[in-house]
């Protein structure tokens, strides 16, 4: 997750040209912290944190 997010941030990203990845860009731009973790019980945990 983190490597995909970093690669999107490093390249010149035009959201009208590519499919996919738009949600990751929004999450990264609108929050202070984003993390994803696959839990041992086969569940996904997505943390999006915005500090006041």
C-alpha atoms as a PDB file:
ATOM      1  CA  UNK A   1       0.000   0.000   0.000  1.00  0.00           C
ATOM      2  CA  UNK A   2       2.653   2.490   1.034  1.00  0.00           C
ATOM      3  CA  UNK A   3       4.843   1.771  -1.999  1.00  0.00           C
ATOM      4  CA  UNK A   4       1.886   2.244  -4.380  1.00  0.00           C
ATOM      5  CA  UNK A   5       1.025   5.537  -2.699  1.00  0.00           C
ATOM      6  CA  UNK A   6       4.631   6.746  -2.918  1.00  0.00           C
ATOM      7  CA  UNK A   7       4.879   5.834  -6.607  1.00  0.00           C
ATOM      8  CA  UNK A   8       1.685   7.784  -7.372  1.00  0.00           C
ATOM      9  CA  UNK A   9       3.033  10.831  -5.529  1.00  0.00           C
ATOM     10  CA  UNK A  10       6.376  10.787  -7.367  1.00  0.00           C
ATOM     11  CA  UNK A  11       5.088  10.592 -10.936  1.00  0.00           C
ATOM     12  CA  UNK A  12       3.213  13.303 -12.825  1.00  0.00           C
ATOM     13  CA  UNK A  13      -0.271  12.012 -12.170  1.00  0.00           C
ATOM     14  CA  UNK A  14      -3.149  13.162 -14.374  1.00  0.00           C
ATOM     15  CA  UNK A  15      -6.344  11.625 -12.949  1.00  0.00           C
ATOM     16  CA  UNK A  16      -8.134  12.016 -16.284  1.00  0.00           C
ATOM     17  CA  UNK A  17      -5.603   9.831 -18.108  1.00  0.00           C
ATOM     18  CA  UNK A  18      -5.355   6.838 -15.772  1.00  0.00           C
ATOM     19  CA  UNK A  19      -7.916   4.543 -14.242  1.00  0.00           C
ATOM     20  CA  UNK A  20      -7.309   3.551 -10.662  1.00  0.00           C
ATOM     21  CA  UNK A  21      -5.329   5.188  -7.916  1.00  0.00           C
ATOM     22  CA  UNK A  22      -7.564   8.248  -7.607  1.00  0.00           C
ATOM     23  CA  UNK A  23      -8.880   7.217  -4.213  1.00  0.00           C
ATOM     24  CA  UNK A  24      -5.360   6.764  -2.896  1.00  0.00           C
ATOM     25  CA  UNK A  25      -4.441  10.254  -4.053  1.00  0.00           C
ATOM     26  CA  UNK A  26      -7.510  11.753  -2.354  1.00  0.00           C
ATOM     27  CA  UNK A  27      -6.819   9.893   0.878  1.00  0.00           C
ATOM     28  CA  UNK A  28      -3.214  11.070   0.877  1.00  0.00           C
ATOM     29  CA  UNK A  29      -4.088  14.711   0.138  1.00  0.00           C
ATOM     30  CA  UNK A  30      -7.004  15.003   2.586  1.00  0.00           C
ATOM     31  CA  UNK A  31      -5.479  13.269   5.608  1.00  0.00           C
ATOM     32  CA  UNK A  32      -2.372  13.592   7.733  1.00  0.00           C
ATOM     33  CA  UNK A  33      -1.813   9.836   8.044  1.00  0.00           C
ATOM     34  CA  UNK A  34      -2.958   6.875   5.948  1.00  0.00           C
ATOM     35  CA  UNK A  35      -2.091   3.251   6.614  1.00  0.00           C
ATOM     36  CA  UNK A  36      -3.365  -0.132   5.508  1.00  0.00           C
ATOM     37  CA  UNK A  37      -2.915  -3.428   7.289  1.00  0.00           C
ATOM     38  CA  UNK A  38      -4.109  -6.952   6.535  1.00  0.00           C
ATOM     39  CA  UNK A  39      -5.077  -8.547   9.855  1.00  0.00           C
ATOM     40  CA  UNK A  40      -4.457 -12.171  10.785  1.00  0.00           C
ATOM     41  CA  UNK A  41      -8.190 -12.956  10.751  1.00  0.00           C
ATOM     42  CA  UNK A  42      -8.390 -12.057   7.015  1.00  0.00           C
ATOM     43  CA  UNK A  43      -9.835  -8.592   7.632  1.00  0.00           C
ATOM     44  CA  UNK A  44      -8.536  -5.324   6.199  1.00  0.00           C
ATOM     45  CA  UNK A  45      -7.803  -2.296   8.359  1.00  0.00           C
ATOM     46  CA  UNK A  46      -7.560   1.120   6.701  1.00  0.00           C
ATOM     47  CA  UNK A  47      -6.617   3.986   9.022  1.00  0.00           C
ATOM     48  CA  UNK A  48      -7.129   7.564   7.874  1.00  0.00           C
ATOM     49  CA  UNK A  49      -6.203  10.191  10.450  1.00  0.00           C
ATOM     50  CA  UNK A  50      -6.702  13.967  10.287  1.00  0.00           C
ATOM     51  CA  UNK A  51      -5.239  16.073  13.083  1.00  0.00           C
ATOM     52  CA  UNK A  52      -7.123  19.179  14.243  1.00  0.00           C
END
